[in-house]
Every structure is written in C-alpha cells, then in structure tokens.
N, C-alpha and C. Protein backbone atom coordinates (compact mmCIF):
# COMPACT_ATOMS: atom_id res chain seq x y z
N MET A 1 -5.53 22.73 33.75
CA MET A 1 -3.94 22.55 33.04
C MET A 1 -3.38 22.59 31.55
N SER A 2 -3.06 22.88 30.98
CA SER A 2 -3.12 22.65 29.31
C SER A 2 -1.83 21.82 28.94
N GLN A 3 -1.92 20.61 28.36
CA GLN A 3 -0.76 20.06 27.79
C GLN A 3 -0.76 20.57 26.61
N LYS A 4 0.54 20.22 26.02
CA LYS A 4 0.97 20.69 24.78
C LYS A 4 0.66 19.57 23.78
N ILE A 5 -0.01 19.25 22.39
CA ILE A 5 -0.32 18.37 21.55
C ILE A 5 1.26 18.61 21.28
N SER A 6 1.63 17.06 20.79
CA SER A 6 2.64 16.35 20.32
C SER A 6 2.74 16.41 18.87
N ARG A 7 3.02 17.26 17.84
CA ARG A 7 2.77 16.85 15.98
C ARG A 7 3.72 16.22 16.02
N LYS A 8 3.38 14.71 15.00
CA LYS A 8 4.55 13.90 14.33
C LYS A 8 5.41 15.28 13.51
N VAL A 9 6.26 14.58 13.52
CA VAL A 9 7.69 14.88 12.57
C VAL A 9 7.76 14.44 11.46
N ILE A 10 8.06 14.78 10.54
CA ILE A 10 8.44 14.27 9.15
C ILE A 10 9.41 14.76 8.22
N TYR A 11 10.67 14.15 8.28
CA TYR A 11 11.93 14.12 7.64
C TYR A 11 11.52 14.41 6.28
N LEU A 12 11.91 15.42 5.28
CA LEU A 12 11.68 15.20 4.04
C LEU A 12 12.96 14.82 3.48
N ALA A 13 13.19 13.69 2.55
CA ALA A 13 14.38 13.44 2.11
C ALA A 13 13.77 13.05 0.49
N GLY A 14 14.98 14.21 -0.31
CA GLY A 14 14.95 13.91 -1.27
C GLY A 14 15.81 15.02 -1.81
N GLY A 15 15.43 15.48 -3.65
CA GLY A 15 16.43 16.42 -3.97
C GLY A 15 15.39 17.78 -3.72
N PHE A 16 16.27 18.64 -4.03
CA PHE A 16 16.24 19.93 -3.77
C PHE A 16 15.78 21.27 -4.95
N ARG A 17 15.56 20.31 -6.30
CA ARG A 17 15.75 21.53 -7.78
C ARG A 17 14.20 21.95 -7.33
N SER A 18 13.58 20.54 -6.94
CA SER A 18 11.57 21.06 -8.15
C SER A 18 11.03 22.42 -6.55
N GLY A 19 11.59 22.08 -6.16
CA GLY A 19 10.40 22.59 -4.40
C GLY A 19 9.59 21.70 -4.10
N TRP A 20 9.53 20.23 -4.38
CA TRP A 20 8.16 19.95 -3.91
C TRP A 20 8.32 20.04 -2.71
N GLN A 21 8.99 20.22 -1.64
CA GLN A 21 8.66 20.09 -0.02
C GLN A 21 7.86 21.33 0.08
N ARG A 22 7.45 22.52 -0.97
CA ARG A 22 6.66 23.11 -0.37
C ARG A 22 5.58 23.00 -0.43
N GLU A 23 5.13 22.25 -1.28
CA GLU A 23 3.79 21.34 -1.50
C GLU A 23 3.20 20.49 -0.88
N VAL A 24 4.32 19.68 0.37
CA VAL A 24 4.11 18.47 0.87
C VAL A 24 3.84 19.79 2.73
N LYS A 25 4.58 20.49 2.74
CA LYS A 25 4.10 21.43 3.88
C LYS A 25 2.60 21.94 4.10
N LEU A 26 2.33 22.57 2.51
CA LEU A 26 1.09 23.13 2.28
C LEU A 26 0.01 22.06 2.69
N GLY A 27 0.00 20.82 2.15
CA GLY A 27 -0.95 19.84 1.94
C GLY A 27 -1.03 19.51 3.65
N LEU A 28 0.02 19.68 4.77
CA LEU A 28 0.17 18.84 5.29
C LEU A 28 0.65 19.60 6.69
N ALA A 29 -0.11 20.24 7.10
CA ALA A 29 -0.65 21.45 8.50
C ALA A 29 0.08 21.02 9.63
N GLN A 30 -0.59 19.61 9.69
CA GLN A 30 -1.06 19.40 10.73
C GLN A 30 0.13 18.65 11.35
N TYR A 31 1.61 18.67 10.24
CA TYR A 31 2.68 18.00 10.93
C TYR A 31 4.04 18.76 11.09
N GLU A 32 4.34 18.51 11.56
CA GLU A 32 5.88 19.58 11.67
C GLU A 32 6.96 18.91 10.90
N PHE A 33 7.91 19.83 10.02
CA PHE A 33 8.73 19.16 9.15
C PHE A 33 9.95 19.45 9.59
N LEU A 34 11.11 18.38 9.14
CA LEU A 34 12.89 18.93 9.09
C LEU A 34 13.03 18.41 7.53
N ASP A 35 13.67 19.90 7.09
CA ASP A 35 13.66 19.90 5.89
C ASP A 35 15.34 20.46 5.69
N PRO A 36 16.04 19.39 4.90
CA PRO A 36 17.10 19.90 4.95
C PRO A 36 17.37 20.95 3.32
N SER A 37 16.35 20.88 2.94
CA SER A 37 16.56 21.94 1.74
C SER A 37 16.79 23.50 2.22
N LEU A 38 16.35 23.34 3.27
CA LEU A 38 16.23 25.25 4.08
C LEU A 38 17.73 25.30 4.74
N ASN A 39 18.56 24.16 5.28
CA ASN A 39 19.78 23.88 5.59
C ASN A 39 21.02 24.85 4.60
N GLN A 40 21.60 25.48 5.06
CA GLN A 40 22.33 26.69 4.55
C GLN A 40 24.05 25.80 4.89
N VAL A 41 24.17 25.03 5.30
CA VAL A 41 25.59 24.76 5.62
C VAL A 41 25.96 23.62 4.18
N GLN A 42 27.39 24.13 3.92
CA GLN A 42 27.97 23.95 2.74
C GLN A 42 28.72 22.59 3.22
N ASP A 43 29.45 22.65 4.46
CA ASP A 43 30.61 21.13 4.72
C ASP A 43 30.04 20.23 4.83
N PRO A 44 30.59 19.18 4.19
CA PRO A 44 29.58 17.85 3.72
C PRO A 44 29.63 17.21 5.32
N LYS A 45 30.36 17.57 5.95
CA LYS A 45 30.71 16.64 7.43
C LYS A 45 29.40 17.18 8.75
N ARG A 46 29.30 18.85 8.07
CA ARG A 46 28.26 18.91 8.85
C ARG A 46 26.61 19.10 8.40
N TYR A 47 26.63 19.03 7.34
CA TYR A 47 25.16 18.85 6.53
C TYR A 47 24.48 17.44 6.74
N THR A 48 25.95 16.23 6.88
CA THR A 48 25.71 15.16 6.86
C THR A 48 24.97 14.87 8.06
N GLU A 49 25.66 15.45 9.29
CA GLU A 49 25.51 15.44 10.78
C GLU A 49 24.45 16.03 10.80
N TRP A 50 23.43 17.00 10.43
CA TRP A 50 22.90 17.74 10.86
C TRP A 50 21.51 16.68 9.71
N ASP A 51 21.49 16.37 8.52
CA ASP A 51 20.55 15.04 8.43
C ASP A 51 20.68 14.23 9.03
N LEU A 52 21.24 12.94 9.43
CA LEU A 52 21.04 12.15 10.25
C LEU A 52 20.42 12.62 11.49
N ASP A 53 20.93 13.23 12.52
CA ASP A 53 19.89 13.88 13.24
C ASP A 53 18.62 13.98 13.63
N ALA A 54 18.46 14.62 12.06
CA ALA A 54 17.07 15.00 11.42
C ALA A 54 16.29 13.98 11.60
N VAL A 55 16.88 12.90 10.80
CA VAL A 55 16.34 11.70 10.55
C VAL A 55 15.72 10.88 12.17
N ARG A 56 16.83 11.38 12.61
CA ARG A 56 16.58 10.68 14.32
C ARG A 56 15.61 11.12 15.33
N ARG A 57 15.18 12.78 14.53
CA ARG A 57 14.14 13.12 15.78
C ARG A 57 13.12 13.10 15.08
N SER A 58 12.75 12.50 13.72
CA SER A 58 11.87 12.67 12.94
C SER A 58 10.87 11.22 13.42
N ASP A 59 9.86 11.22 13.26
CA ASP A 59 8.56 10.38 13.38
C ASP A 59 8.59 9.08 12.00
N ILE A 60 8.73 10.00 10.94
CA ILE A 60 8.42 9.81 9.49
C ILE A 60 9.51 10.84 8.40
N VAL A 61 10.42 9.48 8.47
CA VAL A 61 10.75 10.08 6.73
C VAL A 61 10.31 9.65 5.37
N LEU A 62 9.95 10.78 4.82
CA LEU A 62 9.09 11.04 3.30
C LEU A 62 10.65 11.37 2.31
N GLY A 63 10.51 10.11 1.49
CA GLY A 63 11.40 9.82 0.86
C GLY A 63 10.88 10.03 -0.32
N ASN A 64 11.43 11.33 -1.22
CA ASN A 64 11.00 11.14 -2.40
C ASN A 64 11.83 11.30 -3.66
N MET A 65 11.85 10.73 -4.22
CA MET A 65 12.39 10.09 -5.56
C MET A 65 12.17 10.57 -7.25
N GLU A 66 12.45 12.02 -7.55
CA GLU A 66 12.11 12.34 -7.94
C GLU A 66 13.08 12.02 -9.61
N PRO A 67 12.18 12.67 -11.13
CA PRO A 67 12.99 12.33 -11.98
C PRO A 67 14.64 13.62 -11.89
N SER A 68 14.01 14.60 -11.46
CA SER A 68 15.16 15.67 -11.40
C SER A 68 16.31 15.15 -10.53
N ASN A 69 15.64 14.55 -9.19
CA ASN A 69 17.23 14.15 -8.73
C ASN A 69 18.15 13.78 -9.25
N PRO A 70 19.38 13.70 -9.34
CA PRO A 70 20.60 13.53 -9.72
C PRO A 70 20.70 11.68 -9.53
N GLY A 71 21.35 11.16 -8.13
CA GLY A 71 21.02 10.21 -8.38
C GLY A 71 20.25 8.90 -7.07
N GLY A 72 19.93 9.99 -6.38
CA GLY A 72 19.02 9.55 -5.05
C GLY A 72 20.42 9.04 -3.81
N TYR A 73 21.57 9.13 -4.23
CA TYR A 73 22.50 8.61 -3.12
C TYR A 73 21.70 8.90 -1.50
N SER A 74 21.87 10.52 -1.65
CA SER A 74 21.55 10.71 -0.25
C SER A 74 19.87 10.29 0.41
N LEU A 75 18.88 10.05 -0.46
CA LEU A 75 18.10 9.91 -0.13
C LEU A 75 18.22 8.23 0.10
N ALA A 76 18.77 7.21 -0.41
CA ALA A 76 18.78 5.79 0.06
C ALA A 76 19.69 6.05 1.58
N LEU A 77 20.50 6.79 1.54
CA LEU A 77 21.51 6.80 2.90
C LEU A 77 20.47 6.70 4.02
N GLU A 78 19.45 7.91 3.55
CA GLU A 78 18.51 8.08 4.72
C GLU A 78 17.42 7.56 4.98
N MET A 79 17.10 6.47 3.78
CA MET A 79 16.19 5.67 4.26
C MET A 79 16.17 4.32 4.94
N GLY A 80 18.00 4.00 4.70
CA GLY A 80 18.65 3.47 4.93
C GLY A 80 18.56 3.37 6.84
N PHE A 81 19.39 4.59 7.02
CA PHE A 81 19.25 4.63 8.61
C PHE A 81 18.16 4.76 9.19
N ALA A 82 16.79 5.54 8.12
CA ALA A 82 15.85 5.47 9.17
C ALA A 82 15.23 4.09 9.42
N ARG A 83 15.25 2.97 8.48
CA ARG A 83 15.31 2.18 8.89
C ARG A 83 15.56 0.94 10.35
N ALA A 84 17.25 1.69 10.35
CA ALA A 84 18.00 1.15 11.07
C ALA A 84 17.62 1.80 12.27
N LEU A 85 16.85 2.35 12.71
CA LEU A 85 16.43 3.43 13.49
C LEU A 85 15.34 3.22 13.90
N SER A 86 14.05 2.01 13.02
CA SER A 86 12.84 1.59 13.43
C SER A 86 11.57 3.22 13.03
N LYS A 87 12.70 3.99 12.10
CA LYS A 87 10.90 4.69 11.84
C LYS A 87 9.99 4.31 10.80
N THR A 88 8.98 5.13 10.32
CA THR A 88 8.24 4.86 9.15
C THR A 88 8.84 5.60 8.28
N ILE A 89 8.96 4.72 7.31
CA ILE A 89 9.24 5.14 6.14
C ILE A 89 8.35 5.58 4.67
N TYR A 90 7.96 6.51 4.21
CA TYR A 90 7.25 6.40 3.00
C TYR A 90 7.89 6.51 1.69
N PHE A 91 7.76 6.12 0.66
CA PHE A 91 8.45 6.40 -0.14
C PHE A 91 7.82 6.73 -1.67
N VAL A 92 8.30 8.03 -1.92
CA VAL A 92 7.21 8.34 -3.41
C VAL A 92 8.17 8.30 -4.50
N ASP A 93 7.99 6.97 -5.30
CA ASP A 93 9.18 6.16 -6.28
C ASP A 93 8.52 6.88 -7.85
N GLN A 94 9.08 8.02 -8.23
CA GLN A 94 8.70 8.66 -9.75
C GLN A 94 10.06 8.35 -10.26
N ILE A 95 10.45 7.33 -10.44
CA ILE A 95 11.62 6.74 -10.84
C ILE A 95 10.75 6.36 -12.80
N THR A 96 10.82 7.04 -13.39
CA THR A 96 10.54 6.56 -14.94
C THR A 96 11.69 5.86 -15.70
N ASP A 97 13.19 5.65 -15.70
CA ASP A 97 14.20 5.22 -16.28
C ASP A 97 13.81 3.38 -15.78
N ALA A 98 14.14 2.20 -16.69
CA ALA A 98 14.09 0.91 -15.93
C ALA A 98 15.48 0.94 -15.29
N LYS A 99 16.46 1.12 -15.82
CA LYS A 99 17.49 0.71 -15.61
C LYS A 99 17.82 1.45 -14.12
N ILE A 100 17.69 2.29 -13.89
CA ILE A 100 17.76 3.68 -12.23
C ILE A 100 17.21 2.42 -11.46
N SER A 101 15.89 2.36 -11.84
CA SER A 101 14.80 1.90 -11.30
C SER A 101 15.16 0.78 -10.34
N ARG A 102 15.51 -0.40 -11.08
CA ARG A 102 15.87 -1.19 -10.43
C ARG A 102 16.95 -1.46 -9.38
N TYR A 103 17.45 0.03 -9.19
CA TYR A 103 18.64 0.17 -7.92
C TYR A 103 17.92 0.49 -6.67
N PHE A 104 16.50 0.63 -7.31
CA PHE A 104 16.07 0.91 -5.93
C PHE A 104 14.76 0.61 -4.89
N GLU A 105 15.42 -1.18 -5.63
CA GLU A 105 14.22 -2.14 -5.17
C GLU A 105 14.67 -2.06 -3.65
N MET A 106 15.73 -1.78 -2.99
CA MET A 106 15.99 -2.30 -1.43
C MET A 106 14.98 -0.96 -0.78
N ALA A 107 15.07 0.54 -1.15
CA ALA A 107 14.46 1.70 -1.18
C ALA A 107 13.28 1.29 -0.71
N ARG A 108 12.34 0.31 -1.62
CA ARG A 108 11.46 0.17 -1.58
C ARG A 108 10.73 -0.86 -0.30
N GLN A 109 11.55 -1.99 -0.24
CA GLN A 109 11.60 -2.81 0.30
C GLN A 109 11.94 -2.68 1.77
N VAL A 110 12.41 -1.31 2.21
CA VAL A 110 12.44 -1.39 3.52
C VAL A 110 11.46 0.24 3.72
N SER A 111 10.86 0.51 2.90
CA SER A 111 9.59 1.56 3.06
C SER A 111 8.52 0.72 3.58
N ASN A 112 7.50 1.81 4.30
CA ASN A 112 6.52 1.02 4.88
C ASN A 112 4.89 0.89 4.14
N ARG A 113 5.60 2.02 3.35
CA ARG A 113 4.53 2.56 2.45
C ARG A 113 4.85 3.14 0.42
N VAL A 114 4.76 2.81 -0.43
CA VAL A 114 5.40 3.73 -1.88
C VAL A 114 4.03 4.12 -2.03
N PHE A 115 4.37 5.46 -3.04
CA PHE A 115 3.60 6.19 -3.82
C PHE A 115 4.26 6.07 -4.87
N PRO A 116 3.12 6.18 -5.94
CA PRO A 116 3.41 6.36 -7.27
C PRO A 116 4.18 8.02 -7.65
N ASP A 117 3.24 9.00 -6.57
CA ASP A 117 3.94 10.23 -6.69
C ASP A 117 3.20 10.88 -5.68
N LEU A 118 3.37 12.28 -5.54
CA LEU A 118 3.64 12.94 -4.33
C LEU A 118 2.57 13.20 -3.93
N LYS A 119 1.32 13.66 -4.77
CA LYS A 119 -0.10 13.45 -4.42
C LYS A 119 -0.58 12.78 -3.82
N SER A 120 -0.39 11.45 -4.24
CA SER A 120 -0.83 10.03 -3.08
C SER A 120 -0.51 10.10 -1.70
N ALA A 121 0.69 10.34 -1.76
CA ALA A 121 1.67 10.61 -0.65
C ALA A 121 1.07 11.45 0.53
N ILE A 122 0.73 12.67 0.35
CA ILE A 122 0.25 14.08 0.38
C ILE A 122 -1.06 13.24 1.34
N GLU A 123 -2.22 12.95 0.10
CA GLU A 123 -3.73 12.37 0.23
C GLU A 123 -3.11 11.55 1.39
N TYR A 124 -2.40 10.72 1.30
CA TYR A 124 -2.60 9.45 2.60
C TYR A 124 -1.89 9.71 3.93
N LEU A 125 -1.57 10.64 3.77
CA LEU A 125 -0.74 11.14 5.00
C LEU A 125 -1.44 12.03 5.43
N ALA A 126 -2.39 13.07 5.07
CA ALA A 126 -3.72 13.92 5.58
C ALA A 126 -4.39 12.90 6.40
N SER A 127 -4.74 11.53 5.79
CA SER A 127 -5.85 10.92 6.02
C SER A 127 -5.74 10.31 7.34
N GLN A 128 -4.00 10.45 7.91
CA GLN A 128 -3.71 9.66 8.90
C GLN A 128 -3.87 10.34 10.34
N GLU A 129 -4.20 9.68 11.57
CA GLU A 129 -4.04 10.67 12.97
C GLU A 129 -3.02 10.69 13.03
N ASN A 130 -2.65 12.08 13.75
CA ASN A 130 -1.66 13.03 13.70
C ASN A 130 -1.17 12.78 15.45
C-alpha cells in the first residue's frame, strides 16, 4: 500500500508585474504553490477571500516586495495574517527607497527569515527538507 507524499505549500505574496512567480516555481519544483497572480477574479471581496483562504491553506508565505510593487499593502496584509496563523514567513526585501523601507520594518519583524533578493530565497528554500 503506497502513501501519498505531501509536499509543502507556498503562498506567493507580492506584485504581479514582473512575473517573479514563474521564477520561483521553476526553481522549487518540490513544492506546491498557491499563486494569486493566476486568479482571474476581479471582485475585491472575492479575491480577498481567495487570497486569505490560500494563506490559511499554505505552510509557507513567500512575500516578495520588489521595486515594481506599487505599495505592498496587500503583501503586508497577507504577511500579517500569516503571522496571526503562525505560518512560516519568508520576506524578500528588495526595497531600495529608504523612505518606503522604514514602513516595512514590521514585515521584517514578523518574518522567519529576510532575503535581499529572490535568488537567495529560492536557494534557501531549495536547500530545505520538504
């Protein structure tokens, strides 16, 4: 009798402009992903419900705050919600503007680990037991 091997699930929190999610998925095939960038729901109530439910179902939240993200408000909400649920949170902090950076100190503090770039986060996650 074979048992199904369960893979850890990563919720991909962050902007949709650069397509960074594709890079993560290619580099971390041993994980499953919940990717809100693929969600075609336009109604704010429905996509918020989908996103928060996806955070609940995840093991890890990978928050990527890249310079192309217009504000990071949803990212901060998702990370705070993940913290309230005791999820593992990895934060990719690519903020280059010091005025904006100071507003993300709480996001850094709730994270289990902070990375300076996406490549470092992918390498770290690839090295972890799944």
